[in-house]
Amino acid sequence: MTVNNLVSNDEINEAVEYLDFLNSISVDGIIVQDTGILQICQDHQFNNLKFTRLS
């Protein structure tokens, strides 16, 4: 699953909800651009998600 957005401060709650959904359905992994997404996953212990970062 690609989570290829740059998340602004006013979108953080929506991102958390989306990542929680992805975590709950056990997607194989996510591809991210914004390292803030990685921090959200760590802060909320979304342990089912595996990450690859776009450079």
PDB file of N, CA and C in Angstrom:
ATOM      1  N   MET A   1       0.857  -1.150   0.000  1.00  0.00           N
ATOM      2  CA  MET A   1       0.000   0.000   0.000  1.00  0.00           C
ATOM      3  C   MET A   1       0.910   1.221   0.000  1.00  0.00           C
ATOM      4  N   THR A   2       0.610   2.168  -0.843  1.00  0.00           N
ATOM      5  CA  THR A   2       1.386   3.394  -0.893  1.00  0.00           C
ATOM      6  C   THR A   2       0.711   4.474  -0.062  1.00  0.00           C
ATOM      7  N   VAL A   3       1.438   5.039   0.876  1.00  0.00           N
ATOM      8  CA  VAL A   3       0.979   6.190   1.649  1.00  0.00           C
ATOM      9  C   VAL A   3       1.923   7.314   1.236  1.00  0.00           C
ATOM     10  N   ASN A   4       1.672   7.854   0.052  1.00  0.00           N
ATOM     11  CA  ASN A   4       2.618   8.746  -0.604  1.00  0.00           C
ATOM     12  C   ASN A   4       2.146  10.190  -0.549  1.00  0.00           C
ATOM     13  N   ASN A   5       1.848  10.639   0.635  1.00  0.00           N
ATOM     14  CA  ASN A   5       1.412  12.016   0.820  1.00  0.00           C
ATOM     15  C   ASN A   5       2.362  12.705   1.790  1.00  0.00           C
ATOM     16  N   LEU A   6       2.472  13.992   1.629  1.00  0.00           N
ATOM     17  CA  LEU A   6       3.120  14.810   2.645  1.00  0.00           C
ATOM     18  C   LEU A   6       1.999  15.300   3.547  1.00  0.00           C
ATOM     19  N   VAL A   7       2.041  14.920   4.803  1.00  0.00           N
ATOM     20  CA  VAL A   7       0.955  15.196   5.734  1.00  0.00           C
ATOM     21  C   VAL A   7       1.210  16.515   6.443  1.00  0.00           C
ATOM     22  N   SER A   8       0.208  17.395   6.388  1.00  0.00           N
ATOM     23  CA  SER A   8       0.308  18.664   7.120  1.00  0.00           C
ATOM     24  C   SER A   8      -0.242  18.463   8.529  1.00  0.00           C
ATOM     25  N   ASN A   9       0.014  19.412   9.396  1.00  0.00           N
ATOM     26  CA  ASN A   9      -0.422  19.293  10.790  1.00  0.00           C
ATOM     27  C   ASN A   9      -1.918  19.101  10.927  1.00  0.00           C
ATOM     28  N   ASP A  10      -2.704  19.741  10.062  1.00  0.00           N
ATOM     29  CA  ASP A  10      -4.162  19.608  10.177  1.00  0.00           C
ATOM     30  C   ASP A  10      -4.685  18.291   9.612  1.00  0.00           C
ATOM     31  N   GLU A  11      -3.820  17.474   9.031  1.00  0.00           N
ATOM     32  CA  GLU A  11      -4.217  16.179   8.479  1.00  0.00           C
ATOM     33  C   GLU A  11      -3.741  14.995   9.326  1.00  0.00           C
ATOM     34  N   ILE A  12      -3.100  15.265  10.438  1.00  0.00           N
ATOM     35  CA  ILE A  12      -2.508  14.198  11.238  1.00  0.00           C
ATOM     36  C   ILE A  12      -3.568  13.230  11.761  1.00  0.00           C
ATOM     37  N   ASN A  13      -4.684  13.743  12.264  1.00  0.00           N
ATOM     38  CA  ASN A  13      -5.717  12.855  12.797  1.00  0.00           C
ATOM     39  C   ASN A  13      -6.264  11.926  11.722  1.00  0.00           C
ATOM     40  N   GLU A  14      -6.463  12.437  10.517  1.00  0.00           N
ATOM     41  CA  GLU A  14      -6.928  11.595   9.413  1.00  0.00           C
ATOM     42  C   GLU A  14      -5.881  10.545   9.052  1.00  0.00           C
ATOM     43  N   ALA A  15      -4.622  10.943   9.083  1.00  0.00           N
ATOM     44  CA  ALA A  15      -3.549   9.992   8.786  1.00  0.00           C
ATOM     45  C   ALA A  15      -3.516   8.885   9.822  1.00  0.00           C
ATOM     46  N   VAL A  16      -3.683   9.232  11.090  1.00  0.00           N
ATOM     47  CA  VAL A  16      -3.696   8.228  12.160  1.00  0.00           C
ATOM     48  C   VAL A  16      -4.841   7.245  11.936  1.00  0.00           C
ATOM     49  N   GLU A  17      -6.028   7.757  11.599  1.00  0.00           N
ATOM     50  CA  GLU A  17      -7.173   6.879  11.356  1.00  0.00           C
ATOM     51  C   GLU A  17      -6.906   5.942  10.182  1.00  0.00           C
ATOM     52  N   TYR A  18      -6.327   6.466   9.108  1.00  0.00           N
ATOM     53  CA  TYR A  18      -6.034   5.658   7.929  1.00  0.00           C
ATOM     54  C   TYR A  18      -4.988   4.596   8.246  1.00  0.00           C
ATOM     55  N   LEU A  19      -3.936   4.980   8.942  1.00  0.00           N
ATOM     56  CA  LEU A  19      -2.892   4.032   9.306  1.00  0.00           C
ATOM     57  C   LEU A  19      -3.415   2.975  10.275  1.00  0.00           C
ATOM     58  N   ASP A  20      -4.306   3.373  11.171  1.00  0.00           N
ATOM     59  CA  ASP A  20      -4.930   2.416  12.081  1.00  0.00           C
ATOM     60  C   ASP A  20      -5.730   1.387  11.285  1.00  0.00           C
ATOM     61  N   PHE A  21      -6.464   1.855  10.274  1.00  0.00           N
ATOM     62  CA  PHE A  21      -7.209   0.946   9.409  1.00  0.00           C
ATOM     63  C   PHE A  21      -6.267  -0.018   8.696  1.00  0.00           C
ATOM     64  N   LEU A  22      -5.202   0.511   8.093  1.00  0.00           N
ATOM     65  CA  LEU A  22      -4.240  -0.344   7.391  1.00  0.00           C
ATOM     66  C   LEU A  22      -3.626  -1.366   8.333  1.00  0.00           C
ATOM     67  N   ASN A  23      -3.317  -0.929   9.546  1.00  0.00           N
ATOM     68  CA  ASN A  23      -2.744  -1.827  10.546  1.00  0.00           C
ATOM     69  C   ASN A  23      -3.746  -2.926  10.904  1.00  0.00           C
ATOM     70  N   SER A  24      -5.017  -2.571  11.026  1.00  0.00           N
ATOM     71  CA  SER A  24      -6.033  -3.533  11.450  1.00  0.00           C
ATOM     72  C   SER A  24      -6.314  -4.601  10.391  1.00  0.00           C
ATOM     73  N   ILE A  25      -6.108  -4.275   9.118  1.00  0.00           N
ATOM     74  CA  ILE A  25      -6.348  -5.267   8.068  1.00  0.00           C
ATOM     75  C   ILE A  25      -5.059  -5.980   7.660  1.00  0.00           C
ATOM     76  N   SER A  26      -3.983  -5.677   8.347  1.00  0.00           N
ATOM     77  CA  SER A  26      -2.688  -6.357   8.156  1.00  0.00           C
ATOM     78  C   SER A  26      -2.203  -6.330   6.719  1.00  0.00           C
ATOM     79  N   VAL A  27      -2.114  -5.122   6.140  1.00  0.00           N
ATOM     80  CA  VAL A  27      -1.517  -5.014   4.812  1.00  0.00           C
ATOM     81  C   VAL A  27      -0.074  -5.507   4.900  1.00  0.00           C
ATOM     82  N   ASP A  28       0.457  -5.958   3.772  1.00  0.00           N
ATOM     83  CA  ASP A  28       1.816  -6.501   3.774  1.00  0.00           C
ATOM     84  C   ASP A  28       2.860  -5.463   4.129  1.00  0.00           C
ATOM     85  N   GLY A  29       2.614  -4.211   3.789  1.00  0.00           N
ATOM     86  CA  GLY A  29       3.559  -3.145   4.084  1.00  0.00           C
ATOM     87  C   GLY A  29       3.071  -1.849   3.475  1.00  0.00           C
ATOM     88  N   ILE A  30       3.743  -0.772   3.822  1.00  0.00           N
ATOM     89  CA  ILE A  30       3.412   0.526   3.247  1.00  0.00           C
ATOM     90  C   ILE A  30       4.682   1.185   2.712  1.00  0.00           C
ATOM     91  N   ILE A  31       4.506   1.966   1.665  1.00  0.00           N
ATOM     92  CA  ILE A  31       5.583   2.761   1.086  1.00  0.00           C
ATOM     93  C   ILE A  31       5.271   4.206   1.446  1.00  0.00           C
ATOM     94  N   VAL A  32       6.216   4.884   2.057  1.00  0.00           N
ATOM     95  CA  VAL A  32       5.959   6.257   2.512  1.00  0.00           C
ATOM     96  C   VAL A  32       6.969   7.227   1.933  1.00  0.00           C
ATOM     97  N   GLN A  33       6.537   8.471   1.817  1.00  0.00           N
ATOM     98  CA  GLN A  33       7.428   9.565   1.424  1.00  0.00           C
ATOM     99  C   GLN A  33       7.735  10.435   2.629  1.00  0.00           C
ATOM    100  N   ASP A  34       6.732  10.683   3.444  1.00  0.00           N
ATOM    101  CA  ASP A  34       6.847  11.591   4.588  1.00  0.00           C
ATOM    102  C   ASP A  34       7.310  10.792   5.817  1.00  0.00           C
ATOM    103  N   THR A  35       8.467  11.136   6.349  1.00  0.00           N
ATOM    104  CA  THR A  35       8.961  10.413   7.520  1.00  0.00           C
ATOM    105  C   THR A  35       8.073  10.634   8.745  1.00  0.00           C
ATOM    106  N   GLY A  36       7.237  11.654   8.709  1.00  0.00           N
ATOM    107  CA  GLY A  36       6.270  11.863   9.789  1.00  0.00           C
ATOM    108  C   GLY A  36       5.312  10.693   9.914  1.00  0.00           C
ATOM    109  N   ILE A  37       5.015  10.031   8.788  1.00  0.00           N
ATOM    110  CA  ILE A  37       4.161   8.846   8.810  1.00  0.00           C
ATOM    111  C   ILE A  37       4.828   7.745   9.625  1.00  0.00           C
ATOM    112  N   LEU A  38       6.127   7.589   9.471  1.00  0.00           N
ATOM    113  CA  LEU A  38       6.856   6.589  10.259  1.00  0.00           C
ATOM    114  C   LEU A  38       6.765   6.896  11.744  1.00  0.00           C
ATOM    115  N   GLN A  39       6.889   8.168  12.088  1.00  0.00           N
ATOM    116  CA  GLN A  39       6.803   8.570  13.497  1.00  0.00           C
ATOM    117  C   GLN A  39       5.412   8.295  14.052  1.00  0.00           C
ATOM    118  N   ILE A  40       4.380   8.578  13.271  1.00  0.00           N
ATOM    119  CA  ILE A  40       3.011   8.289  13.710  1.00  0.00           C
ATOM    120  C   ILE A  40       2.856   6.799  13.989  1.00  0.00           C
ATOM    121  N   CYS A  41       3.370   5.966  13.096  1.00  0.00           N
ATOM    122  CA  CYS A  41       3.269   4.515  13.281  1.00  0.00           C
ATOM    123  C   CYS A  41       3.986   4.062  14.543  1.00  0.00           C
ATOM    124  N   GLN A  42       5.138   4.631  14.826  1.00  0.00           N
ATOM    125  CA  GLN A  42       5.868   4.279  16.042  1.00  0.00           C
ATOM    126  C   GLN A  42       5.128   4.779  17.277  1.00  0.00           C
ATOM    127  N   ASP A  43       4.627   6.005  17.231  1.00  0.00           N
ATOM    128  CA  ASP A  43       3.925   6.584  18.380  1.00  0.00           C
ATOM    129  C   ASP A  43       2.664   5.802  18.735  1.00  0.00           C
ATOM    130  N   HIS A  44       1.991   5.269  17.731  1.00  0.00           N
ATOM    131  CA  HIS A  44       0.727   4.562  17.946  1.00  0.00           C
ATOM    132  C   HIS A  44       0.900   3.043  17.931  1.00  0.00           C
ATOM    133  N   GLN A  45       2.136   2.598  17.870  1.00  0.00           N
ATOM    134  CA  GLN A  45       2.484   1.175  17.921  1.00  0.00           C
ATOM    135  C   GLN A  45       1.709   0.360  16.887  1.00  0.00           C
ATOM    136  N   PHE A  46       1.721   0.856  15.647  1.00  0.00           N
ATOM    137  CA  PHE A  46       1.121   0.112  14.547  1.00  0.00           C
ATOM    138  C   PHE A  46       2.127  -0.957  14.112  1.00  0.00           C
ATOM    139  N   ASN A  47       2.180  -2.021  14.880  1.00  0.00           N
ATOM    140  CA  ASN A  47       3.228  -3.031  14.733  1.00  0.00           C
ATOM    141  C   ASN A  47       3.015  -3.981  13.564  1.00  0.00           C
ATOM    142  N   ASN A  48       1.814  -4.012  12.972  1.00  0.00           N
ATOM    143  CA  ASN A  48       1.575  -4.900  11.835  1.00  0.00           C
ATOM    144  C   ASN A  48       2.119  -4.325  10.542  1.00  0.00           C
ATOM    145  N   LEU A  49       2.500  -3.049  10.539  1.00  0.00           N
ATOM    146  CA  LEU A  49       2.946  -2.390   9.315  1.00  0.00           C
ATOM    147  C   LEU A  49       4.450  -2.504   9.150  1.00  0.00           C
ATOM    148  N   LYS A  50       4.871  -2.820   7.943  1.00  0.00           N
ATOM    149  CA  LYS A  50       6.286  -2.819   7.562  1.00  0.00           C
ATOM    150  C   LYS A  50       6.475  -1.663   6.583  1.00  0.00           C
ATOM    151  N   PHE A  51       7.646  -1.055   6.576  1.00  0.00           N
ATOM    152  CA  PHE A  51       7.853   0.201   5.865  1.00  0.00           C
ATOM    153  C   PHE A  51       8.934   0.127   4.815  1.00  0.00           C
ATOM    154  N   THR A  52       8.710   0.878   3.749  1.00  0.00           N
ATOM    155  CA  THR A  52       9.735   1.207   2.772  1.00  0.00           C
ATOM    156  C   THR A  52       9.595   2.693   2.503  1.00  0.00           C
ATOM    157  N   ARG A  53      10.699   3.419   2.513  1.00  0.00           N
ATOM    158  CA  ARG A  53      10.643   4.862   2.311  1.00  0.00           C
ATOM    159  C   ARG A  53      11.100   5.202   0.899  1.00  0.00           C
ATOM    160  N   LEU A  54      10.296   6.043   0.222  1.00  0.00           N
ATOM    161  CA  LEU A  54      10.709   6.580  -1.073  1.00  0.00           C
ATOM    162  C   LEU A  54      11.769   7.632  -0.848  1.00  0.00           C
ATOM    163  N   SER A  55      12.733   7.707  -1.747  1.00  0.00           N
ATOM    164  CA  SER A  55      13.744   8.760  -1.587  1.00  0.00           C
ATOM    165  C   SER A  55      13.622   9.800  -2.666  1.00  0.00           C
TER     166      SER A  55
END
